[in-house]
N, C-alpha and C. Protein backbone atom coordinates (compact mmCIF):
# COMPACT_ATOMS: atom_id res chain seq x y z
N MET A 1 31.87 41.89 -41.13
CA MET A 1 32.01 40.48 -41.54
C MET A 1 30.65 39.98 -41.93
N ASN A 2 30.50 39.37 -43.09
CA ASN A 2 29.25 38.99 -43.50
C ASN A 2 28.83 37.44 -42.83
N THR A 3 27.56 37.25 -42.94
CA THR A 3 26.86 36.08 -42.22
C THR A 3 27.61 34.96 -42.58
N GLY A 4 27.95 34.55 -43.80
CA GLY A 4 28.68 33.48 -44.22
C GLY A 4 29.81 33.33 -43.65
N ALA A 5 30.86 34.40 -43.44
CA ALA A 5 32.15 34.22 -42.95
C ALA A 5 32.04 33.99 -41.45
N ARG A 6 31.01 34.56 -40.81
CA ARG A 6 30.86 34.41 -39.45
C ARG A 6 30.48 32.96 -39.17
N MET A 7 29.62 32.59 -39.86
CA MET A 7 29.02 30.99 -39.81
C MET A 7 30.26 30.16 -40.07
N ASP A 8 31.28 30.28 -41.16
CA ASP A 8 32.28 29.64 -41.12
C ASP A 8 33.35 29.49 -39.83
N ILE A 9 33.47 30.68 -39.30
CA ILE A 9 34.41 30.85 -38.21
C ILE A 9 33.75 29.98 -37.00
N GLN A 10 32.30 30.21 -36.86
CA GLN A 10 31.70 29.40 -35.57
C GLN A 10 31.66 27.85 -35.98
N GLU A 11 31.48 27.30 -37.19
CA GLU A 11 31.85 26.16 -37.47
C GLU A 11 33.21 25.57 -37.21
N ALA A 12 34.09 26.46 -37.58
CA ALA A 12 35.56 25.99 -37.41
C ALA A 12 35.91 25.90 -35.98
N GLU A 13 35.46 26.84 -35.05
CA GLU A 13 35.58 26.81 -33.65
C GLU A 13 34.77 25.54 -33.05
N ARG A 14 33.62 24.99 -33.46
CA ARG A 14 33.04 23.94 -33.07
C ARG A 14 33.99 22.74 -33.32
N GLU A 15 34.42 22.63 -34.63
CA GLU A 15 35.33 21.56 -34.95
C GLU A 15 36.57 21.40 -33.83
N ARG A 16 37.27 22.57 -33.58
CA ARG A 16 38.29 22.73 -32.77
C ARG A 16 38.04 22.30 -31.50
N PHE A 17 36.94 22.78 -30.87
CA PHE A 17 36.44 22.46 -29.58
C PHE A 17 36.12 20.80 -29.39
N ALA A 18 35.74 20.26 -30.63
CA ALA A 18 35.38 18.98 -30.42
C ALA A 18 36.49 18.11 -30.41
N ALA A 19 37.69 18.58 -31.20
CA ALA A 19 39.01 17.88 -31.17
C ALA A 19 39.67 18.14 -30.11
N PHE A 20 39.54 19.13 -29.27
CA PHE A 20 40.11 19.13 -27.90
C PHE A 20 39.46 18.31 -26.86
N VAL A 21 38.17 18.19 -26.94
CA VAL A 21 37.43 17.18 -26.22
C VAL A 21 37.83 15.93 -26.31
N MET A 22 38.00 15.27 -27.54
CA MET A 22 38.50 14.06 -27.91
C MET A 22 39.95 13.78 -27.17
N ARG A 23 40.89 14.87 -27.52
CA ARG A 23 42.06 14.70 -26.80
C ARG A 23 41.92 14.69 -25.15
N MET A 24 41.08 15.42 -24.63
CA MET A 24 40.89 15.22 -23.22
C MET A 24 40.57 14.02 -22.77
N ARG A 25 39.56 13.41 -23.39
CA ARG A 25 39.05 11.98 -23.23
C ARG A 25 40.22 11.08 -23.34
N ALA A 26 41.07 11.04 -24.43
CA ALA A 26 42.21 10.13 -24.75
C ALA A 26 43.12 10.21 -23.54
N ALA A 27 43.33 11.40 -23.01
CA ALA A 27 44.32 11.66 -21.96
C ALA A 27 43.76 11.33 -20.62
N GLY A 28 42.41 10.85 -20.54
CA GLY A 28 41.75 10.50 -19.22
C GLY A 28 41.32 11.79 -18.36
N ILE A 29 41.23 12.93 -19.05
CA ILE A 29 40.79 13.83 -18.41
C ILE A 29 39.16 14.13 -18.41
N ASN A 30 38.37 13.80 -17.42
CA ASN A 30 37.03 13.63 -17.50
C ASN A 30 36.18 14.38 -16.35
N HIS A 31 36.93 15.56 -15.90
CA HIS A 31 36.26 16.30 -14.77
C HIS A 31 35.24 17.28 -15.49
N ARG A 32 34.10 16.86 -15.19
CA ARG A 32 32.82 17.51 -15.97
C ARG A 32 32.74 18.89 -15.63
N PRO A 33 32.76 19.29 -14.21
CA PRO A 33 32.64 20.73 -14.13
C PRO A 33 33.74 21.66 -14.83
N LEU A 34 34.99 20.98 -15.02
CA LEU A 34 36.10 21.74 -15.72
C LEU A 34 35.63 21.88 -17.22
N MET A 35 35.21 20.80 -17.64
CA MET A 35 34.85 20.64 -19.32
C MET A 35 33.75 21.72 -19.56
N SER A 36 32.92 21.76 -18.52
CA SER A 36 31.66 22.67 -18.72
C SER A 36 32.13 24.09 -18.60
N ALA A 37 33.09 24.33 -17.61
CA ALA A 37 33.60 25.77 -17.66
C ALA A 37 34.26 26.11 -18.63
N VAL A 38 35.16 25.20 -19.41
CA VAL A 38 35.84 25.61 -20.69
C VAL A 38 34.97 26.05 -21.85
N GLU A 39 33.79 25.15 -21.76
CA GLU A 39 32.95 25.34 -22.97
C GLU A 39 32.20 26.70 -22.92
N VAL A 40 31.91 27.34 -21.61
CA VAL A 40 31.40 28.44 -21.56
C VAL A 40 32.21 29.67 -21.46
N THR A 41 33.37 29.28 -21.56
CA THR A 41 34.46 30.57 -21.34
C THR A 41 34.99 30.75 -22.97
N PRO A 42 34.67 31.74 -23.68
CA PRO A 42 35.17 31.96 -24.86
C PRO A 42 36.69 32.11 -25.16
N ARG A 43 37.46 30.99 -25.65
CA ARG A 43 39.08 30.91 -25.50
C ARG A 43 39.40 32.03 -26.37
N LEU A 44 38.62 32.26 -27.66
CA LEU A 44 39.25 33.13 -28.60
C LEU A 44 39.41 34.59 -28.02
N ASP A 45 38.51 34.96 -27.00
CA ASP A 45 38.62 36.42 -26.49
C ASP A 45 39.84 36.48 -25.54
N PHE A 46 40.76 35.28 -25.43
CA PHE A 46 41.93 35.65 -24.69
C PHE A 46 43.22 35.19 -25.30
N VAL A 47 43.06 34.91 -26.64
CA VAL A 47 44.15 34.63 -27.53
C VAL A 47 44.29 35.79 -28.52
N PRO A 48 45.44 36.36 -28.83
CA PRO A 48 45.64 37.16 -29.90
C PRO A 48 45.10 36.84 -31.06
N ALA A 49 44.55 37.65 -31.93
CA ALA A 49 43.75 37.43 -33.20
C ALA A 49 44.69 36.78 -34.30
N GLN A 50 45.98 36.95 -34.17
CA GLN A 50 46.71 36.49 -35.13
C GLN A 50 47.00 34.93 -34.81
N TRP A 51 46.67 34.56 -33.60
CA TRP A 51 46.90 33.15 -33.30
C TRP A 51 45.67 32.22 -32.95
N SER A 52 44.64 32.72 -33.46
CA SER A 52 43.20 32.18 -33.26
C SER A 52 43.31 30.75 -33.81
N ALA A 53 43.82 30.51 -34.72
CA ALA A 53 43.72 29.14 -35.34
C ALA A 53 44.42 28.07 -34.34
N GLU A 54 45.27 28.87 -33.41
CA GLU A 54 45.90 27.78 -32.57
C GLU A 54 45.30 27.79 -31.00
N ALA A 55 44.35 28.57 -31.02
CA ALA A 55 43.62 28.78 -29.54
C ALA A 55 43.31 27.52 -29.04
N TRP A 56 42.78 26.40 -29.78
CA TRP A 56 42.46 24.97 -28.99
C TRP A 56 43.47 24.04 -29.26
N SER A 57 44.75 24.27 -29.64
CA SER A 57 45.81 23.54 -29.86
C SER A 57 46.44 23.25 -28.37
N ASP A 58 47.52 22.45 -28.55
CA ASP A 58 48.29 22.35 -27.46
C ASP A 58 49.53 23.24 -27.56
N ARG A 59 49.54 24.27 -28.58
CA ARG A 59 50.73 25.07 -28.81
C ARG A 59 50.65 26.29 -27.90
N MET A 60 51.99 26.55 -27.37
CA MET A 60 52.01 27.70 -26.48
C MET A 60 52.00 28.90 -27.42
N VAL A 61 51.39 30.04 -27.37
CA VAL A 61 51.34 31.38 -28.13
C VAL A 61 51.54 32.37 -27.33
N PRO A 62 52.37 33.46 -28.05
CA PRO A 62 52.94 34.70 -27.24
C PRO A 62 51.54 35.60 -27.20
N ILE A 63 51.94 36.39 -26.02
CA ILE A 63 50.83 37.51 -25.51
C ILE A 63 51.88 38.74 -25.55
N GLU A 64 51.18 39.70 -24.92
CA GLU A 64 51.77 40.93 -24.61
C GLU A 64 52.92 40.66 -23.50
N CYS A 65 53.68 41.60 -23.27
CA CYS A 65 54.99 41.79 -22.29
C CYS A 65 55.82 40.70 -22.38
N GLY A 66 55.91 39.91 -23.67
CA GLY A 66 56.97 38.87 -23.67
C GLY A 66 56.57 37.52 -23.07
N GLU A 67 55.28 37.51 -22.79
CA GLU A 67 54.81 36.43 -22.06
C GLU A 67 54.00 35.54 -23.02
N THR A 68 53.60 34.23 -22.56
CA THR A 68 52.91 33.38 -23.34
C THR A 68 51.74 32.72 -22.80
N ILE A 69 50.85 32.24 -23.44
CA ILE A 69 49.65 31.52 -22.95
C ILE A 69 50.08 29.99 -23.19
N GLU A 70 50.06 28.99 -21.99
CA GLU A 70 50.35 27.74 -22.22
C GLU A 70 49.72 27.17 -23.07
N GLY A 71 50.16 25.92 -23.66
CA GLY A 71 49.08 25.13 -24.62
C GLY A 71 47.84 24.66 -23.74
N LEU A 72 46.62 24.61 -24.29
CA LEU A 72 45.59 24.29 -23.74
C LEU A 72 45.55 22.98 -23.06
N ASP A 73 46.09 21.88 -23.60
CA ASP A 73 46.29 20.73 -23.09
C ASP A 73 46.76 20.53 -21.78
N LEU A 74 48.05 21.39 -21.65
CA LEU A 74 48.60 21.53 -20.51
C LEU A 74 47.96 22.22 -19.32
N GLN A 75 47.17 23.28 -19.71
CA GLN A 75 46.44 24.00 -18.94
C GLN A 75 45.29 23.15 -18.11
N MET A 76 44.45 22.42 -19.09
CA MET A 76 43.59 21.48 -18.73
C MET A 76 44.02 20.40 -17.74
N ARG A 77 45.29 19.77 -18.07
CA ARG A 77 46.03 18.98 -17.26
C ARG A 77 46.20 19.45 -15.88
N VAL A 78 46.56 20.70 -15.72
CA VAL A 78 46.85 21.16 -14.53
C VAL A 78 45.81 21.69 -13.78
N LEU A 79 44.49 22.13 -14.29
CA LEU A 79 43.55 22.61 -13.66
C LEU A 79 42.63 21.36 -13.05
N ALA A 80 42.66 20.34 -14.02
CA ALA A 80 42.24 18.81 -13.58
C ALA A 80 42.74 18.36 -12.33
N ALA A 81 44.08 18.59 -12.26
CA ALA A 81 44.84 18.19 -11.10
C ALA A 81 44.51 18.83 -9.84
N LEU A 82 43.98 20.00 -9.96
CA LEU A 82 43.59 21.00 -8.88
C LEU A 82 42.25 20.31 -8.23
N ASP A 83 41.47 19.80 -9.11
CA ASP A 83 40.18 18.92 -8.68
C ASP A 83 39.48 20.22 -7.93
N LEU A 84 39.18 21.20 -8.53
CA LEU A 84 38.27 22.52 -7.94
C LEU A 84 36.92 22.17 -7.80
N GLN A 85 36.61 22.38 -6.66
CA GLN A 85 35.18 22.16 -6.22
C GLN A 85 34.43 23.35 -5.87
N PRO A 86 33.11 23.61 -5.87
CA PRO A 86 32.45 24.76 -5.35
C PRO A 86 32.86 25.19 -3.80
N GLY A 87 33.02 26.32 -3.63
CA GLY A 87 33.23 26.80 -2.51
C GLY A 87 34.75 27.16 -2.20
N HIS A 88 35.65 26.52 -3.12
CA HIS A 88 36.97 26.80 -2.86
C HIS A 88 37.53 28.12 -3.09
N ARG A 89 38.65 28.47 -2.49
CA ARG A 89 39.22 29.69 -2.60
C ARG A 89 40.57 29.48 -3.23
N VAL A 90 40.90 30.08 -4.19
CA VAL A 90 42.23 29.68 -5.19
C VAL A 90 43.19 30.76 -5.34
N LEU A 91 44.39 30.79 -5.16
CA LEU A 91 45.15 31.62 -5.32
C LEU A 91 46.16 31.16 -6.89
N GLU A 92 46.15 32.00 -7.97
CA GLU A 92 46.99 31.73 -9.09
C GLU A 92 47.97 32.71 -9.05
N ILE A 93 49.11 32.36 -9.30
CA ILE A 93 50.36 33.11 -9.75
C ILE A 93 50.70 33.04 -11.21
N GLY A 94 50.38 34.28 -11.68
CA GLY A 94 50.65 34.32 -13.34
C GLY A 94 49.43 34.37 -13.70
N THR A 95 48.53 35.75 -14.07
CA THR A 95 47.52 35.77 -14.41
C THR A 95 47.46 35.66 -16.03
N GLY A 96 48.47 36.13 -16.75
CA GLY A 96 48.67 35.99 -18.18
C GLY A 96 47.51 36.70 -19.03
N SER A 97 46.78 36.04 -19.69
CA SER A 97 45.62 36.55 -20.66
C SER A 97 44.39 36.47 -19.76
N GLY A 98 44.47 35.86 -18.65
CA GLY A 98 43.23 35.93 -17.74
C GLY A 98 42.23 34.56 -17.84
N TYR A 99 42.87 33.65 -18.87
CA TYR A 99 41.99 32.70 -19.28
C TYR A 99 41.60 31.66 -18.05
N THR A 100 42.82 31.21 -17.49
CA THR A 100 42.50 30.28 -16.63
C THR A 100 41.64 30.55 -15.40
N SER A 101 42.06 31.88 -15.06
CA SER A 101 41.28 32.31 -13.94
C SER A 101 39.92 32.62 -14.20
N ALA A 102 39.58 32.75 -15.60
CA ALA A 102 38.13 32.93 -15.89
C ALA A 102 37.64 31.47 -15.90
N VAL A 103 38.31 30.42 -16.41
CA VAL A 103 37.71 29.00 -16.25
C VAL A 103 37.47 28.62 -14.77
N MET A 104 38.61 29.09 -14.04
CA MET A 104 38.59 28.53 -12.58
C MET A 104 37.22 29.39 -11.74
N SER A 105 36.82 30.62 -12.34
CA SER A 105 36.02 31.15 -11.61
C SER A 105 34.49 30.49 -11.84
N ARG A 106 34.38 29.77 -12.90
CA ARG A 106 33.13 29.22 -13.11
C ARG A 106 32.78 27.71 -12.14
N ILE A 107 33.87 27.46 -11.41
CA ILE A 107 33.82 26.37 -10.35
C ILE A 107 33.94 26.99 -9.10
N ALA A 108 35.10 27.56 -8.91
CA ALA A 108 35.41 28.02 -7.42
C ALA A 108 34.41 29.19 -7.23
N ALA A 109 34.57 29.42 -5.64
CA ALA A 109 33.87 30.42 -5.07
C ALA A 109 34.62 31.69 -5.32
N ARG A 110 36.14 31.67 -5.24
CA ARG A 110 36.98 33.13 -5.40
C ARG A 110 38.16 32.79 -5.88
N VAL A 111 38.76 33.44 -6.68
CA VAL A 111 40.17 33.31 -7.37
C VAL A 111 40.82 34.68 -7.20
N LEU A 112 41.97 34.44 -6.42
CA LEU A 112 42.92 35.78 -6.19
C LEU A 112 43.99 35.46 -7.32
N THR A 113 44.36 36.42 -8.34
CA THR A 113 45.25 36.12 -9.23
C THR A 113 46.19 37.33 -9.24
N PHE A 114 47.55 36.98 -9.31
CA PHE A 114 48.63 37.97 -9.34
C PHE A 114 49.58 37.95 -10.79
N ASP A 115 49.97 39.33 -11.23
CA ASP A 115 50.82 39.32 -12.40
C ASP A 115 51.67 40.23 -12.03
N ARG A 116 52.87 40.28 -12.43
CA ARG A 116 53.80 41.49 -12.38
C ARG A 116 53.73 42.36 -13.47
N TYR A 117 53.07 42.15 -14.58
CA TYR A 117 52.73 43.12 -15.67
C TYR A 117 51.51 43.73 -15.63
N LYS A 118 51.50 45.17 -15.60
CA LYS A 118 50.36 45.74 -15.21
C LYS A 118 49.65 45.56 -16.77
N THR A 119 50.19 45.76 -17.75
CA THR A 119 49.49 45.66 -18.88
C THR A 119 48.62 44.40 -19.00
N LEU A 120 49.21 43.07 -18.67
CA LEU A 120 48.49 41.97 -18.54
C LEU A 120 47.14 42.02 -17.65
N VAL A 121 47.52 42.61 -16.35
CA VAL A 121 46.41 42.82 -15.40
C VAL A 121 45.15 43.58 -15.91
N GLU A 122 45.49 44.63 -16.38
CA GLU A 122 44.58 45.49 -17.19
C GLU A 122 43.64 44.89 -18.05
N LYS A 123 44.34 44.04 -18.91
CA LYS A 123 43.54 43.49 -20.13
C LYS A 123 42.94 42.26 -19.70
N ALA A 124 43.36 41.62 -18.81
CA ALA A 124 42.45 40.47 -18.29
C ALA A 124 41.20 40.99 -17.45
N ARG A 125 41.36 41.97 -16.71
CA ARG A 125 40.43 42.58 -15.93
C ARG A 125 39.15 43.03 -16.82
N ARG A 126 39.71 43.63 -17.95
CA ARG A 126 38.53 44.07 -18.97
C ARG A 126 37.94 42.84 -19.71
N ARG A 127 38.74 41.96 -19.80
CA ARG A 127 37.95 40.63 -20.40
C ARG A 127 36.92 40.03 -19.52
N HIS A 128 37.48 39.89 -18.23
CA HIS A 128 36.39 39.24 -17.37
C HIS A 128 35.36 40.14 -16.96
N GLU A 129 35.48 41.43 -17.09
CA GLU A 129 34.21 42.44 -16.84
C GLU A 129 33.27 42.30 -18.06
N THR A 130 33.98 42.10 -19.24
CA THR A 130 33.10 41.85 -20.47
C THR A 130 32.20 40.77 -20.23
N LEU A 131 32.91 39.79 -19.66
CA LEU A 131 32.09 38.33 -19.55
C LEU A 131 31.16 38.29 -18.32
N GLY A 132 31.31 39.32 -17.53
CA GLY A 132 30.41 39.28 -16.21
C GLY A 132 30.96 38.64 -15.09
N ILE A 133 32.23 38.23 -15.20
CA ILE A 133 32.86 37.61 -14.17
C ILE A 133 33.29 38.49 -12.92
N ASN A 134 32.75 38.07 -11.74
CA ASN A 134 32.86 39.01 -10.57
C ASN A 134 33.69 38.42 -9.44
N ASN A 135 33.84 37.13 -9.48
CA ASN A 135 34.51 36.51 -8.29
C ASN A 135 35.93 36.33 -8.52
N VAL A 136 36.55 36.97 -9.45
CA VAL A 136 38.02 37.05 -9.49
C VAL A 136 38.58 38.29 -9.22
N LEU A 137 39.67 38.23 -8.25
CA LEU A 137 40.38 39.49 -7.95
C LEU A 137 41.75 39.46 -8.53
N ILE A 138 42.12 40.51 -9.45
CA ILE A 138 43.19 40.46 -10.10
C ILE A 138 43.97 41.60 -9.63
N ARG A 139 45.39 41.29 -9.25
CA ARG A 139 46.14 42.45 -8.77
C ARG A 139 47.59 42.38 -9.59
N HIS A 140 47.98 43.62 -9.61
CA HIS A 140 49.34 43.95 -10.19
C HIS A 140 50.26 43.77 -8.98
N ALA A 141 50.90 42.65 -8.89
CA ALA A 141 51.76 42.46 -7.51
C ALA A 141 52.60 41.30 -8.00
N ASP A 142 53.62 41.28 -6.84
CA ASP A 142 54.69 40.12 -6.89
C ASP A 142 53.88 38.99 -6.26
N GLY A 143 53.71 38.06 -6.84
CA GLY A 143 53.06 36.61 -6.51
C GLY A 143 54.00 35.69 -6.19
N SER A 144 55.08 35.77 -6.40
CA SER A 144 56.23 34.91 -6.21
C SER A 144 56.19 33.88 -4.86
N GLN A 145 55.84 34.77 -3.89
CA GLN A 145 55.69 34.14 -2.50
C GLN A 145 54.40 33.82 -2.12
N GLY A 146 53.47 33.91 -2.96
CA GLY A 146 52.09 33.75 -2.52
C GLY A 146 51.46 34.88 -1.90
N ALA A 147 50.45 34.80 -1.20
CA ALA A 147 49.76 35.51 -0.29
C ALA A 147 49.42 35.18 1.19
N MET A 148 50.21 35.24 1.88
CA MET A 148 50.27 34.79 3.30
C MET A 148 49.10 35.34 3.98
N ALA A 149 49.01 36.64 3.90
CA ALA A 149 47.80 37.21 4.55
C ALA A 149 46.56 37.00 4.19
N GLU A 150 46.42 36.43 2.92
CA GLU A 150 44.84 36.27 2.34
C GLU A 150 44.66 34.81 2.44
N GLY A 151 45.53 34.04 2.95
CA GLY A 151 45.15 32.48 3.02
C GLY A 151 44.16 32.20 4.35
N PRO A 152 44.25 30.88 4.43
CA PRO A 152 44.53 29.81 3.58
C PRO A 152 43.80 29.69 2.29
N PHE A 153 44.27 29.14 1.60
CA PHE A 153 43.77 28.63 0.29
C PHE A 153 43.28 27.34 0.10
N ASP A 154 42.31 26.89 -0.56
CA ASP A 154 42.05 25.51 -1.01
C ASP A 154 42.96 25.10 -1.98
N ARG A 155 43.31 25.78 -2.94
CA ARG A 155 44.17 25.51 -4.21
C ARG A 155 44.97 26.67 -4.54
N ILE A 156 46.15 26.24 -5.03
CA ILE A 156 47.15 27.30 -5.37
C ILE A 156 47.83 26.72 -6.74
N VAL A 157 47.84 27.57 -7.68
CA VAL A 157 48.47 27.24 -8.96
C VAL A 157 49.40 28.32 -9.51
N ALA A 158 50.51 27.97 -9.94
CA ALA A 158 51.66 28.66 -10.41
C ALA A 158 52.11 28.31 -11.86
N TRP A 159 52.13 29.48 -12.62
CA TRP A 159 52.34 29.31 -14.32
C TRP A 159 53.73 29.60 -14.56
N ALA A 160 54.67 29.65 -13.53
CA ALA A 160 56.16 29.88 -13.75
C ALA A 160 56.82 29.04 -12.76
N ALA A 161 58.06 28.62 -13.06
CA ALA A 161 58.94 27.61 -12.29
C ALA A 161 59.72 28.14 -11.14
N TYR A 162 59.59 27.34 -10.05
CA TYR A 162 60.30 27.61 -8.95
C TYR A 162 61.66 26.34 -9.23
N GLU A 163 62.81 26.93 -8.80
CA GLU A 163 63.90 26.13 -8.82
C GLU A 163 63.85 24.76 -8.01
N THR A 164 63.25 25.11 -6.75
CA THR A 164 63.38 24.15 -5.67
C THR A 164 61.81 24.06 -5.17
N LEU A 165 61.52 23.15 -4.52
CA LEU A 165 60.22 22.87 -3.83
C LEU A 165 59.70 24.02 -3.21
N PRO A 166 58.66 24.83 -3.45
CA PRO A 166 58.37 25.91 -2.56
C PRO A 166 57.50 25.44 -1.36
N ARG A 167 58.36 25.21 -0.22
CA ARG A 167 58.00 24.78 0.90
C ARG A 167 57.18 25.96 1.61
N GLY A 168 57.34 27.21 1.33
CA GLY A 168 56.64 28.14 2.25
C GLY A 168 55.38 28.22 1.96
N PHE A 169 54.81 27.51 0.83
CA PHE A 169 53.40 27.49 0.56
C PHE A 169 52.56 26.48 1.23
N VAL A 170 53.30 25.55 2.03
CA VAL A 170 52.67 24.82 2.98
C VAL A 170 51.67 25.46 3.94
N ASP A 171 52.15 26.55 4.53
CA ASP A 171 51.21 27.38 5.58
C ASP A 171 50.16 28.29 4.92
N GLN A 172 50.24 28.22 3.59
CA GLN A 172 49.23 29.00 2.65
C GLN A 172 48.06 28.26 2.20
N LEU A 173 48.07 26.86 2.49
CA LEU A 173 47.06 25.87 2.13
C LEU A 173 46.19 25.54 3.33
N ALA A 174 44.95 25.08 2.90
CA ALA A 174 44.22 24.51 3.97
C ALA A 174 44.69 23.14 3.97
N THR A 175 44.15 22.46 5.12
CA THR A 175 44.47 21.15 5.37
C THR A 175 43.91 20.30 4.08
N GLY A 176 44.78 19.48 3.64
CA GLY A 176 44.34 18.72 2.36
C GLY A 176 44.45 19.46 1.11
N GLY A 177 44.82 20.71 1.07
CA GLY A 177 44.95 21.72 0.04
C GLY A 177 45.84 21.04 -1.07
N ILE A 178 45.64 21.55 -2.32
CA ILE A 178 46.51 21.06 -3.38
C ILE A 178 47.23 22.11 -4.16
N MET A 179 48.45 22.23 -4.47
CA MET A 179 49.22 23.30 -5.31
C MET A 179 49.74 22.48 -6.30
N VAL A 180 49.59 23.06 -7.53
CA VAL A 180 50.32 22.55 -8.71
C VAL A 180 51.35 23.58 -9.17
N ALA A 181 52.45 23.06 -9.40
CA ALA A 181 53.58 24.21 -9.73
C ALA A 181 54.69 23.48 -10.54
N PRO A 182 55.34 24.16 -11.58
CA PRO A 182 56.51 23.59 -12.31
C PRO A 182 57.46 23.79 -11.26
N ILE A 183 58.59 22.83 -11.35
CA ILE A 183 59.64 22.85 -10.32
C ILE A 183 60.84 22.42 -11.19
N GLY A 184 61.96 22.97 -11.15
CA GLY A 184 63.20 22.71 -11.84
C GLY A 184 64.04 24.17 -12.42
N PRO A 185 65.05 23.73 -12.86
CA PRO A 185 66.08 24.66 -13.46
C PRO A 185 65.48 25.63 -14.41
N ALA A 186 65.83 26.79 -14.50
CA ALA A 186 65.50 27.90 -15.37
C ALA A 186 65.38 27.51 -16.84
N GLU A 187 66.81 26.95 -17.14
CA GLU A 187 67.05 26.62 -18.49
C GLU A 187 67.19 25.20 -18.93
N ASP A 188 66.37 24.64 -18.28
CA ASP A 188 66.22 23.15 -18.68
C ASP A 188 64.94 22.53 -18.42
N ILE A 189 64.74 21.19 -18.56
CA ILE A 189 63.48 20.70 -18.27
C ILE A 189 63.07 20.86 -16.76
N GLN A 190 61.79 21.15 -16.59
CA GLN A 190 61.01 21.28 -15.28
C GLN A 190 60.02 20.27 -15.28
N VAL A 191 59.58 20.04 -14.00
CA VAL A 191 58.62 18.92 -13.65
C VAL A 191 57.43 19.79 -13.03
N MET A 192 56.25 19.37 -13.77
CA MET A 192 55.08 20.05 -13.10
C MET A 192 54.53 18.99 -12.01
N GLU A 193 54.26 19.47 -10.98
CA GLU A 193 54.03 18.63 -9.59
C GLU A 193 52.78 19.05 -9.08
N ARG A 194 52.11 17.88 -8.44
CA ARG A 194 50.98 18.10 -7.79
C ARG A 194 51.21 18.12 -6.24
N LEU A 195 51.19 18.98 -5.41
CA LEU A 195 51.66 19.01 -4.24
C LEU A 195 50.53 19.02 -3.44
N VAL A 196 50.08 18.06 -2.57
CA VAL A 196 49.15 17.92 -1.59
C VAL A 196 49.55 18.16 -0.29
N LYS A 197 48.85 18.93 0.70
CA LYS A 197 49.26 19.40 1.86
C LYS A 197 48.92 18.03 2.86
N LEU A 198 49.66 17.67 3.51
CA LEU A 198 49.49 16.55 4.47
C LEU A 198 50.28 16.85 5.93
N GLY A 199 49.68 17.59 7.00
CA GLY A 199 50.09 18.00 7.98
C GLY A 199 51.17 19.33 7.67
N SER A 200 52.30 19.10 7.86
CA SER A 200 53.31 20.15 7.65
C SER A 200 54.21 19.90 6.24
N ARG A 201 53.66 18.94 5.61
CA ARG A 201 54.57 18.65 4.47
C ARG A 201 53.78 18.32 3.11
N PHE A 202 54.34 18.38 2.18
CA PHE A 202 53.86 18.10 0.92
C PHE A 202 53.84 16.53 0.30
N GLU A 203 52.73 15.94 -0.13
CA GLU A 203 52.97 14.77 -0.87
C GLU A 203 53.00 15.12 -2.29
N ARG A 204 53.89 14.54 -3.03
CA ARG A 204 54.21 14.97 -4.40
C ARG A 204 53.81 13.95 -5.50
N GLU A 205 53.18 14.55 -6.58
CA GLU A 205 52.95 13.65 -7.87
C GLU A 205 53.45 14.40 -8.93
N VAL A 206 54.18 13.74 -9.82
CA VAL A 206 54.72 14.21 -11.10
C VAL A 206 53.62 14.10 -12.06
N LEU A 207 53.21 15.34 -12.70
CA LEU A 207 52.23 15.42 -13.75
C LEU A 207 52.84 15.39 -15.20
N ALA A 208 53.72 16.17 -15.41
CA ALA A 208 54.44 16.20 -16.61
C ALA A 208 55.81 16.93 -16.69
N ASN A 209 56.48 16.80 -17.87
CA ASN A 209 57.59 17.39 -17.95
C ASN A 209 57.24 18.87 -18.73
N VAL A 210 57.84 19.92 -18.39
CA VAL A 210 57.48 21.16 -19.03
C VAL A 210 58.60 22.03 -19.41
N ARG A 211 58.54 23.13 -20.01
CA ARG A 211 59.45 24.16 -20.17
C ARG A 211 58.90 25.35 -19.97
N LEU A 212 58.65 25.98 -18.98
CA LEU A 212 58.01 27.20 -18.77
C LEU A 212 59.14 28.37 -18.21
N GLN A 213 58.89 29.64 -18.15
CA GLN A 213 59.50 30.55 -17.78
C GLN A 213 59.72 30.45 -16.24
N PRO A 214 60.89 30.92 -15.85
CA PRO A 214 61.33 30.97 -14.18
C PRO A 214 60.56 31.80 -13.39
N MET A 215 60.09 31.69 -11.94
CA MET A 215 59.37 32.45 -11.47
C MET A 215 60.38 33.73 -11.24
N ALA A 216 59.62 34.95 -11.35
CA ALA A 216 60.26 36.28 -11.22
C ALA A 216 59.78 36.89 -9.94
N SER A 217 60.67 37.57 -9.28
CA SER A 217 60.08 38.38 -8.19
C SER A 217 60.07 39.97 -8.78
N GLY A 218 59.30 40.52 -7.86
CA GLY A 218 59.00 42.18 -7.97
C GLY A 218 57.99 42.38 -9.27
N ILE A 219 57.80 43.48 -9.59
CA ILE A 219 56.92 43.96 -10.40
C ILE A 219 57.64 44.63 -11.75
N ALA A 220 57.01 44.48 -12.90
CA ALA A 220 57.61 45.26 -13.88
C ALA A 220 57.30 46.87 -14.10
N ALA A 221 58.35 47.69 -13.89
CA ALA A 221 58.30 49.06 -13.57
C ALA A 221 57.60 49.72 -14.73
N ALA A 222 57.86 49.16 -16.14
CA ALA A 222 57.45 50.12 -17.24
C ALA A 222 56.09 49.48 -18.09
N ILE A 223 56.04 48.13 -17.78
CA ILE A 223 54.95 47.42 -18.52
C ILE A 223 54.03 46.66 -17.70
């Protein structure tokens, strides 16, 4: 690639990032540590080349194993709702491309992320290694029920939908901890909810209506 073409790509990326920042401000998302984490995490490294023009958009794009990367605006709304702080221990269910765990790693102390697809785990791990990220532990495992033996966690985020409120996660959260997850039927509109642990129950807040894949148990045998 010649110098002129490279500069054109860089300029296009700056414009797309600026447009993204304006959308976030309009949506009332002003979490400075989160926006700084996004700025230093190269999103193009986590998006298939053929979808690079959509990297900074709110469009969901396909990745390997028949999975997708959620639109960036939804990802940021979810991560902002987590209110990540330095020192936090985070559990993520659904590694995907590894982008959201990379962003969270810039703020939190430690991120444990599970995916049922070995291909996604290996690719995400290589991306993190290239970026020098060393506080994310990626596992090829069934994370649908969390990681009871590893908790408690300060924050939990799930990128696939539970049909009903996942009450079992109360015991995996620290006091005052937050979980964000989509809840609802597999083939219909779901609700992305922010669940705050209060004693032995959740205080619930609706964030958005979504259409995400249903939570699956087990691991993929072939891929």
